Amino acid sequence: MNLLLLPPLFDYSSMVASIRDVSVLLNSTNGVKPEKVVLPNELLKGFDVVDMINRSVESVCHGVVSCSDIPVIAARFTTNSLATG
């Protein structure tokens, strides 16, 4: 999958702001309810795309990508796709 072909999801400033609190990206573990499904976070969108990016990166770099890396990668690709049209 070419991540450069992903549509722009967020503007750069909102991605940078979201990097400060990436715990909302974590999925449920051991039956613990994740932050992404608790109000007001359940109103956020794009988790499916973030999970897709995570799976794509993990398939190449297994075990070295943290949840805080994903917004950085998404911001980079969004910025590149906006810059190149």
PDB file of N, CA and C in Angstrom:
ATOM      1  N   MET A   1       0.835  -1.172   0.000  1.00  0.00           N
ATOM      2  CA  MET A   1       0.000   0.000   0.000  1.00  0.00           C
ATOM      3  C   MET A   1       0.882   1.237   0.000  1.00  0.00           C
ATOM      4  N   ASN A   2       0.569   2.156  -0.876  1.00  0.00           N
ATOM      5  CA  ASN A   2       1.293   3.417  -0.926  1.00  0.00           C
ATOM      6  C   ASN A   2       0.576   4.417  -0.030  1.00  0.00           C
ATOM      7  N   LEU A   3       1.169   4.740   1.102  1.00  0.00           N
ATOM      8  CA  LEU A   3       0.530   5.641   2.049  1.00  0.00           C
ATOM      9  C   LEU A   3       0.419   7.058   1.513  1.00  0.00           C
ATOM     10  N   LEU A   4       1.203   7.384   0.487  1.00  0.00           N
ATOM     11  CA  LEU A   4       1.092   8.712  -0.105  1.00  0.00           C
ATOM     12  C   LEU A   4      -0.237   8.902  -0.810  1.00  0.00           C
ATOM     13  N   LEU A   5      -0.917   7.819  -1.145  1.00  0.00           N
ATOM     14  CA  LEU A   5      -2.184   7.913  -1.847  1.00  0.00           C
ATOM     15  C   LEU A   5      -3.369   8.094  -0.913  1.00  0.00           C
ATOM     16  N   LEU A   6      -3.135   8.069   0.390  1.00  0.00           N
ATOM     17  CA  LEU A   6      -4.225   8.273   1.333  1.00  0.00           C
ATOM     18  C   LEU A   6      -4.752   9.694   1.220  1.00  0.00           C
ATOM     19  N   PRO A   7      -6.062   9.870   1.336  1.00  0.00           N
ATOM     20  CA  PRO A   7      -6.607  11.228   1.286  1.00  0.00           C
ATOM     21  C   PRO A   7      -6.200  12.005   2.527  1.00  0.00           C
ATOM     22  N   PRO A   8      -6.119  13.325   2.409  1.00  0.00           N
ATOM     23  CA  PRO A   8      -5.803  14.125   3.592  1.00  0.00           C
ATOM     24  C   PRO A   8      -6.870  13.905   4.660  1.00  0.00           C
ATOM     25  N   LEU A   9      -6.459  13.582   5.869  1.00  0.00           N
ATOM     26  CA  LEU A   9      -7.401  13.292   6.945  1.00  0.00           C
ATOM     27  C   LEU A   9      -7.571  14.469   7.887  1.00  0.00           C
ATOM     28  N   PHE A  10      -6.498  15.153   8.137  1.00  0.00           N
ATOM     29  CA  PHE A  10      -6.494  16.218   9.111  1.00  0.00           C
ATOM     30  C   PHE A  10      -5.580  17.319   8.596  1.00  0.00           C
ATOM     31  N   ASP A  11      -5.804  18.530   9.058  1.00  0.00           N
ATOM     32  CA  ASP A  11      -4.810  19.539   8.727  1.00  0.00           C
ATOM     33  C   ASP A  11      -3.623  19.361   9.665  1.00  0.00           C
ATOM     34  N   TYR A  12      -2.498  19.887   9.255  1.00  0.00           N
ATOM     35  CA  TYR A  12      -1.245  19.655   9.973  1.00  0.00           C
ATOM     36  C   TYR A  12      -1.324  20.113  11.424  1.00  0.00           C
ATOM     37  N   SER A  13      -1.927  21.284  11.671  1.00  0.00           N
ATOM     38  CA  SER A  13      -1.955  21.808  13.037  1.00  0.00           C
ATOM     39  C   SER A  13      -2.760  20.909  13.967  1.00  0.00           C
ATOM     40  N   SER A  14      -3.853  20.320  13.477  1.00  0.00           N
ATOM     41  CA  SER A  14      -4.621  19.440  14.353  1.00  0.00           C
ATOM     42  C   SER A  14      -3.869  18.145  14.613  1.00  0.00           C
ATOM     43  N   MET A  15      -3.076  17.683  13.637  1.00  0.00           N
ATOM     44  CA  MET A  15      -2.290  16.473  13.853  1.00  0.00           C
ATOM     45  C   MET A  15      -1.200  16.725  14.888  1.00  0.00           C
ATOM     46  N   VAL A  16      -0.540  17.871  14.799  1.00  0.00           N
ATOM     47  CA  VAL A  16       0.506  18.185  15.768  1.00  0.00           C
ATOM     48  C   VAL A  16      -0.100  18.290  17.158  1.00  0.00           C
ATOM     49  N   ALA A  17      -1.268  18.913  17.269  1.00  0.00           N
ATOM     50  CA  ALA A  17      -1.924  19.031  18.569  1.00  0.00           C
ATOM     51  C   ALA A  17      -2.300  17.663  19.112  1.00  0.00           C
ATOM     52  N   SER A  18      -2.706  16.743  18.233  1.00  0.00           N
ATOM     53  CA  SER A  18      -3.148  15.427  18.695  1.00  0.00           C
ATOM     54  C   SER A  18      -1.994  14.543  19.133  1.00  0.00           C
ATOM     55  N   ILE A  19      -0.788  14.868  18.715  1.00  0.00           N
ATOM     56  CA  ILE A  19       0.369  14.063  19.103  1.00  0.00           C
ATOM     57  C   ILE A  19       0.568  14.118  20.617  1.00  0.00           C
ATOM     58  N   ARG A  20       0.149  15.198  21.237  1.00  0.00           N
ATOM     59  CA  ARG A  20       0.329  15.340  22.676  1.00  0.00           C
ATOM     60  C   ARG A  20      -0.477  14.321  23.472  1.00  0.00           C
ATOM     61  N   ASP A  21      -1.567  13.811  22.915  1.00  0.00           N
ATOM     62  CA  ASP A  21      -2.398  12.868  23.655  1.00  0.00           C
ATOM     63  C   ASP A  21      -2.780  11.700  22.760  1.00  0.00           C
ATOM     64  N   VAL A  22      -1.823  10.827  22.501  1.00  0.00           N
ATOM     65  CA  VAL A  22      -2.060   9.705  21.597  1.00  0.00           C
ATOM     66  C   VAL A  22      -2.710   8.522  22.300  1.00  0.00           C
ATOM     67  N   SER A  23      -2.938   8.618  23.590  1.00  0.00           N
ATOM     68  CA  SER A  23      -3.569   7.498  24.283  1.00  0.00           C
ATOM     69  C   SER A  23      -4.963   7.223  23.742  1.00  0.00           C
ATOM     70  N   VAL A  24      -5.566   8.196  23.092  1.00  0.00           N
ATOM     71  CA  VAL A  24      -6.882   7.999  22.493  1.00  0.00           C
ATOM     72  C   VAL A  24      -6.814   7.023  21.315  1.00  0.00           C
ATOM     73  N   LEU A  25      -5.622   6.755  20.802  1.00  0.00           N
ATOM     74  CA  LEU A  25      -5.459   5.826  19.684  1.00  0.00           C
ATOM     75  C   LEU A  25      -5.365   4.369  20.128  1.00  0.00           C
ATOM     76  N   LEU A  26      -5.170   4.136  21.413  1.00  0.00           N
ATOM     77  CA  LEU A  26      -4.998   2.770  21.894  1.00  0.00           C
ATOM     78  C   LEU A  26      -6.292   1.980  21.786  1.00  0.00           C
ATOM     79  N   ASN A  27      -6.160   0.706  21.433  1.00  0.00           N
ATOM     80  CA  ASN A  27      -7.307  -0.195  21.365  1.00  0.00           C
ATOM     81  C   ASN A  27      -7.490  -0.898  22.699  1.00  0.00           C
ATOM     82  N   SER A  28      -8.623  -1.542  22.866  1.00  0.00           N
ATOM     83  CA  SER A  28      -8.943  -2.260  24.092  1.00  0.00           C
ATOM     84  C   SER A  28      -7.949  -3.398  24.333  1.00  0.00           C
ATOM     85  N   THR A  29      -7.526  -3.541  25.577  1.00  0.00           N
ATOM     86  CA  THR A  29      -6.677  -4.670  25.963  1.00  0.00           C
ATOM     87  C   THR A  29      -7.224  -5.257  27.253  1.00  0.00           C
ATOM     88  N   ASN A  30      -7.265  -6.560  27.324  1.00  0.00           N
ATOM     89  CA  ASN A  30      -7.737  -7.267  28.522  1.00  0.00           C
ATOM     90  C   ASN A  30      -9.106  -6.780  28.995  1.00  0.00           C
ATOM     91  N   GLY A  31      -9.973  -6.431  28.053  1.00  0.00           N
ATOM     92  CA  GLY A  31     -11.323  -6.011  28.401  1.00  0.00           C
ATOM     93  C   GLY A  31     -11.442  -4.606  28.938  1.00  0.00           C
ATOM     94  N   VAL A  32     -10.346  -3.859  28.978  1.00  0.00           N
ATOM     95  CA  VAL A  32     -10.381  -2.477  29.453  1.00  0.00           C
ATOM     96  C   VAL A  32     -10.904  -1.598  28.324  1.00  0.00           C
ATOM     97  N   LYS A  33     -11.892  -0.773  28.634  1.00  0.00           N
ATOM     98  CA  LYS A  33     -12.499   0.102  27.636  1.00  0.00           C
ATOM     99  C   LYS A  33     -11.496   1.182  27.221  1.00  0.00           C
ATOM    100  N   PRO A  34     -11.203   1.295  25.925  1.00  0.00           N
ATOM    101  CA  PRO A  34     -10.233   2.296  25.483  1.00  0.00           C
ATOM    102  C   PRO A  34     -10.821   3.701  25.494  1.00  0.00           C
ATOM    103  N   GLU A  35      -9.948   4.701  25.555  1.00  0.00           N
ATOM    104  CA  GLU A  35     -10.385   6.100  25.584  1.00  0.00           C
ATOM    105  C   GLU A  35     -11.162   6.500  24.341  1.00  0.00           C
ATOM    106  N   LYS A  36     -10.893   5.853  23.215  1.00  0.00           N
ATOM    107  CA  LYS A  36     -11.535   6.275  21.971  1.00  0.00           C
ATOM    108  C   LYS A  36     -13.040   6.012  21.941  1.00  0.00           C
ATOM    109  N   VAL A  37     -13.557   5.206  22.844  1.00  0.00           N
ATOM    110  CA  VAL A  37     -14.997   4.931  22.847  1.00  0.00           C
ATOM    111  C   VAL A  37     -15.714   5.583  24.031  1.00  0.00           C
ATOM    112  N   VAL A  38     -15.053   6.500  24.708  1.00  0.00           N
ATOM    113  CA  VAL A  38     -15.633   7.199  25.844  1.00  0.00           C
ATOM    114  C   VAL A  38     -15.936   8.635  25.421  1.00  0.00           C
ATOM    115  N   LEU A  39     -17.086   9.147  25.868  1.00  0.00           N
ATOM    116  CA  LEU A  39     -17.413  10.540  25.558  1.00  0.00           C
ATOM    117  C   LEU A  39     -16.327  11.453  26.098  1.00  0.00           C
ATOM    118  N   PRO A  40     -15.951  12.511  25.476  1.00  0.00           N
ATOM    119  CA  PRO A  40     -16.380  12.973  24.158  1.00  0.00           C
ATOM    120  C   PRO A  40     -15.572  12.363  23.011  1.00  0.00           C
ATOM    121  N   ASN A  41     -14.636  11.479  23.326  1.00  0.00           N
ATOM    122  CA  ASN A  41     -13.760  10.916  22.294  1.00  0.00           C
ATOM    123  C   ASN A  41     -14.499  10.073  21.272  1.00  0.00           C
ATOM    124  N   GLU A  42     -15.657   9.504  21.626  1.00  0.00           N
ATOM    125  CA  GLU A  42     -16.363   8.661  20.673  1.00  0.00           C
ATOM    126  C   GLU A  42     -16.865   9.460  19.473  1.00  0.00           C
ATOM    127  N   LEU A  43     -16.826  10.773  19.560  1.00  0.00           N
ATOM    128  CA  LEU A  43     -17.219  11.623  18.439  1.00  0.00           C
ATOM    129  C   LEU A  43     -16.080  11.824  17.442  1.00  0.00           C
ATOM    130  N   LEU A  44     -14.865  11.439  17.815  1.00  0.00           N
ATOM    131  CA  LEU A  44     -13.719  11.566  16.916  1.00  0.00           C
ATOM    132  C   LEU A  44     -13.836  10.573  15.772  1.00  0.00           C
ATOM    133  N   LYS A  45     -13.287  10.931  14.627  1.00  0.00           N
ATOM    134  CA  LYS A  45     -13.352  10.061  13.454  1.00  0.00           C
ATOM    135  C   LYS A  45     -11.943   9.749  12.963  1.00  0.00           C
ATOM    136  N   GLY A  46     -11.835   8.754  12.106  1.00  0.00           N
ATOM    137  CA  GLY A  46     -10.569   8.443  11.475  1.00  0.00           C
ATOM    138  C   GLY A  46      -9.776   7.330  12.130  1.00  0.00           C
ATOM    139  N   PHE A  47     -10.319   6.719  13.185  1.00  0.00           N
ATOM    140  CA  PHE A  47      -9.576   5.646  13.849  1.00  0.00           C
ATOM    141  C   PHE A  47      -9.313   4.479  12.912  1.00  0.00           C
ATOM    142  N   ASP A  48     -10.249   4.209  11.996  1.00  0.00           N
ATOM    143  CA  ASP A  48     -10.052   3.106  11.053  1.00  0.00           C
ATOM    144  C   ASP A  48      -8.857   3.363  10.149  1.00  0.00           C
ATOM    145  N   VAL A  49      -8.670   4.613   9.753  1.00  0.00           N
ATOM    146  CA  VAL A  49      -7.532   4.962   8.900  1.00  0.00           C
ATOM    147  C   VAL A  49      -6.236   4.903   9.702  1.00  0.00           C
ATOM    148  N   VAL A  50      -6.272   5.368  10.936  1.00  0.00           N
ATOM    149  CA  VAL A  50      -5.092   5.300  11.801  1.00  0.00           C
ATOM    150  C   VAL A  50      -4.695   3.844  12.025  1.00  0.00           C
ATOM    151  N   ASP A  51      -5.680   2.982  12.252  1.00  0.00           N
ATOM    152  CA  ASP A  51      -5.387   1.553  12.428  1.00  0.00           C
ATOM    153  C   ASP A  51      -4.806   0.950  11.156  1.00  0.00           C
ATOM    154  N   MET A  52      -5.300   1.390   9.986  1.00  0.00           N
ATOM    155  CA  MET A  52      -4.774   0.901   8.711  1.00  0.00           C
ATOM    156  C   MET A  52      -3.308   1.325   8.535  1.00  0.00           C
ATOM    157  N   ILE A  53      -3.005   2.578   8.881  1.00  0.00           N
ATOM    158  CA  ILE A  53      -1.621   3.058   8.802  1.00  0.00           C
ATOM    159  C   ILE A  53      -0.747   2.239   9.748  1.00  0.00           C
ATOM    160  N   ASN A  54      -1.240   2.009  10.955  1.00  0.00           N
ATOM    161  CA  ASN A  54      -0.487   1.229  11.936  1.00  0.00           C
ATOM    162  C   ASN A  54      -0.189  -0.175  11.413  1.00  0.00           C
ATOM    163  N   ARG A  55      -1.189  -0.844  10.846  1.00  0.00           N
ATOM    164  CA  ARG A  55      -0.969  -2.191  10.302  1.00  0.00           C
ATOM    165  C   ARG A  55       0.048  -2.164   9.164  1.00  0.00           C
ATOM    166  N   SER A  56      -0.040  -1.156   8.294  1.00  0.00           N
ATOM    167  CA  SER A  56       0.886  -1.056   7.158  1.00  0.00           C
ATOM    168  C   SER A  56       2.323  -0.868   7.628  1.00  0.00           C
ATOM    169  N   VAL A  57       2.510   0.021   8.596  1.00  0.00           N
ATOM    170  CA  VAL A  57       3.854   0.283   9.111  1.00  0.00           C
ATOM    171  C   VAL A  57       4.365  -0.927   9.889  1.00  0.00           C
ATOM    172  N   GLU A  58       3.512  -1.537  10.699  1.00  0.00           N
ATOM    173  CA  GLU A  58       3.907  -2.718  11.475  1.00  0.00           C
ATOM    174  C   GLU A  58       4.315  -3.881  10.576  1.00  0.00           C
ATOM    175  N   SER A  59       3.712  -3.988   9.386  1.00  0.00           N
ATOM    176  CA  SER A  59       4.070  -5.090   8.487  1.00  0.00           C
ATOM    177  C   SER A  59       5.497  -4.952   7.967  1.00  0.00           C
ATOM    178  N   VAL A  60       6.006  -3.731   7.952  1.00  0.00           N
ATOM    179  CA  VAL A  60       7.371  -3.480   7.484  1.00  0.00           C
ATOM    180  C   VAL A  60       8.342  -3.355   8.657  1.00  0.00           C
ATOM    181  N   CYS A  61       7.917  -2.717   9.724  1.00  0.00           N
ATOM    182  CA  CYS A  61       8.775  -2.438  10.886  1.00  0.00           C
ATOM    183  C   CYS A  61       8.137  -3.020  12.139  1.00  0.00           C
ATOM    184  N   HIS A  62       7.997  -4.319  12.204  1.00  0.00           N
ATOM    185  CA  HIS A  62       7.281  -4.962  13.310  1.00  0.00           C
ATOM    186  C   HIS A  62       7.955  -4.700  14.657  1.00  0.00           C
ATOM    187  N   GLY A  63       7.141  -4.249  15.608  1.00  0.00           N
ATOM    188  CA  GLY A  63       7.607  -4.095  16.974  1.00  0.00           C
ATOM    189  C   GLY A  63       8.366  -2.826  17.290  1.00  0.00           C
ATOM    190  N   VAL A  64       8.547  -1.944  16.323  1.00  0.00           N
ATOM    191  CA  VAL A  64       9.307  -0.725  16.598  1.00  0.00           C
ATOM    192  C   VAL A  64       8.467   0.543  16.464  1.00  0.00           C
ATOM    193  N   VAL A  65       7.216   0.405  16.087  1.00  0.00           N
ATOM    194  CA  VAL A  65       6.350   1.570  15.885  1.00  0.00           C
ATOM    195  C   VAL A  65       5.448   1.724  17.099  1.00  0.00           C
ATOM    196  N   SER A  66       5.477   2.907  17.704  1.00  0.00           N
ATOM    197  CA  SER A  66       4.607   3.156  18.853  1.00  0.00           C
ATOM    198  C   SER A  66       3.370   3.919  18.397  1.00  0.00           C
ATOM    199  N   CYS A  67       2.374   3.989  19.265  1.00  0.00           N
ATOM    200  CA  CYS A  67       1.153   4.699  18.895  1.00  0.00           C
ATOM    201  C   CYS A  67       1.424   6.184  18.676  1.00  0.00           C
ATOM    202  N   SER A  68       2.459   6.719  19.279  1.00  0.00           N
ATOM    203  CA  SER A  68       2.775   8.129  19.060  1.00  0.00           C
ATOM    204  C   SER A  68       3.439   8.366  17.711  1.00  0.00           C
ATOM    205  N   ASP A  69       3.965   7.315  17.084  1.00  0.00           N
ATOM    206  CA  ASP A  69       4.553   7.462  15.750  1.00  0.00           C
ATOM    207  C   ASP A  69       3.491   7.623  14.669  1.00  0.00           C
ATOM    208  N   ILE A  70       2.325   7.046  14.864  1.00  0.00           N
ATOM    209  CA  ILE A  70       1.297   7.033  13.830  1.00  0.00           C
ATOM    210  C   ILE A  70       0.810   8.443  13.480  1.00  0.00           C
ATOM    211  N   PRO A  71       0.490   9.326  14.449  1.00  0.00           N
ATOM    212  CA  PRO A  71       0.093  10.688  14.058  1.00  0.00           C
ATOM    213  C   PRO A  71       1.201  11.437  13.326  1.00  0.00           C
ATOM    214  N   VAL A  72       2.442  11.167  13.688  1.00  0.00           N
ATOM    215  CA  VAL A  72       3.565  11.812  12.996  1.00  0.00           C
ATOM    216  C   VAL A  72       3.608  11.348  11.549  1.00  0.00           C
ATOM    217  N   ILE A  73       3.448  10.048  11.337  1.00  0.00           N
ATOM    218  CA  ILE A  73       3.446   9.500   9.979  1.00  0.00           C
ATOM    219  C   ILE A  73       2.258  10.045   9.196  1.00  0.00           C
ATOM    220  N   ALA A  74       1.083  10.076   9.812  1.00  0.00           N
ATOM    221  CA  ALA A  74      -0.106  10.599   9.138  1.00  0.00           C
ATOM    222  C   ALA A  74       0.068  12.072   8.779  1.00  0.00           C
ATOM    223  N   ALA A  75       0.640  12.855   9.693  1.00  0.00           N
ATOM    224  CA  ALA A  75       0.872  14.276   9.412  1.00  0.00           C
ATOM    225  C   ALA A  75       1.855  14.445   8.263  1.00  0.00           C
ATOM    226  N   ARG A  76       2.875  13.621   8.246  1.00  0.00           N
ATOM    227  CA  ARG A  76       3.877  13.703   7.173  1.00  0.00           C
ATOM    228  C   ARG A  76       3.253  13.407   5.816  1.00  0.00           C
ATOM    229  N   PHE A  77       2.502  12.312   5.733  1.00  0.00           N
ATOM    230  CA  PHE A  77       1.899  11.948   4.459  1.00  0.00           C
ATOM    231  C   PHE A  77       0.812  12.925   4.044  1.00  0.00           C
ATOM    232  N   THR A  78       0.060  13.446   5.005  1.00  0.00           N
ATOM    233  CA  THR A  78      -0.954  14.445   4.680  1.00  0.00           C
ATOM    234  C   THR A  78      -0.298  15.706   4.148  1.00  0.00           C
ATOM    235  N   THR A  79       0.761  16.144   4.803  1.00  0.00           N
ATOM    236  CA  THR A  79       1.485  17.331   4.346  1.00  0.00           C
ATOM    237  C   THR A  79       2.063  17.113   2.959  1.00  0.00           C
ATOM    238  N   ASN A  80       2.660  15.946   2.723  1.00  0.00           N
ATOM    239  CA  ASN A  80       3.207  15.644   1.398  1.00  0.00           C
ATOM    240  C   ASN A  80       2.129  15.626   0.333  1.00  0.00           C
ATOM    241  N   SER A  81       0.982  15.026   0.634  1.00  0.00           N
ATOM    242  CA  SER A  81      -0.071  14.950  -0.377  1.00  0.00           C
ATOM    243  C   SER A  81      -0.685  16.318  -0.638  1.00  0.00           C
ATOM    244  N   LEU A  82      -0.757  17.171   0.378  1.00  0.00           N
ATOM    245  CA  LEU A  82      -1.249  18.530   0.156  1.00  0.00           C
ATOM    246  C   LEU A  82      -0.250  19.348  -0.660  1.00  0.00           C
ATOM    247  N   ALA A  83       1.029  19.126  -0.412  1.00  0.00           N
ATOM    248  CA  ALA A  83       2.065  19.876  -1.124  1.00  0.00           C
ATOM    249  C   ALA A  83       2.164  19.467  -2.590  1.00  0.00           C
ATOM    250  N   THR A  84       1.903  18.197  -2.867  1.00  0.00           N
ATOM    251  CA  THR A  84       2.032  17.716  -4.245  1.00  0.00           C
ATOM    252  C   THR A  84       0.711  17.728  -4.998  1.00  0.00           C
ATOM    253  N   GLY A  85      -0.352  18.065  -4.306  1.00  0.00           N
ATOM    254  CA  GLY A  85      -1.668  18.162  -4.950  1.00  0.00           C
ATOM    255  C   GLY A  85      -2.295  16.860  -5.043  1.00  0.00           C
TER     256      GLY A  85
END
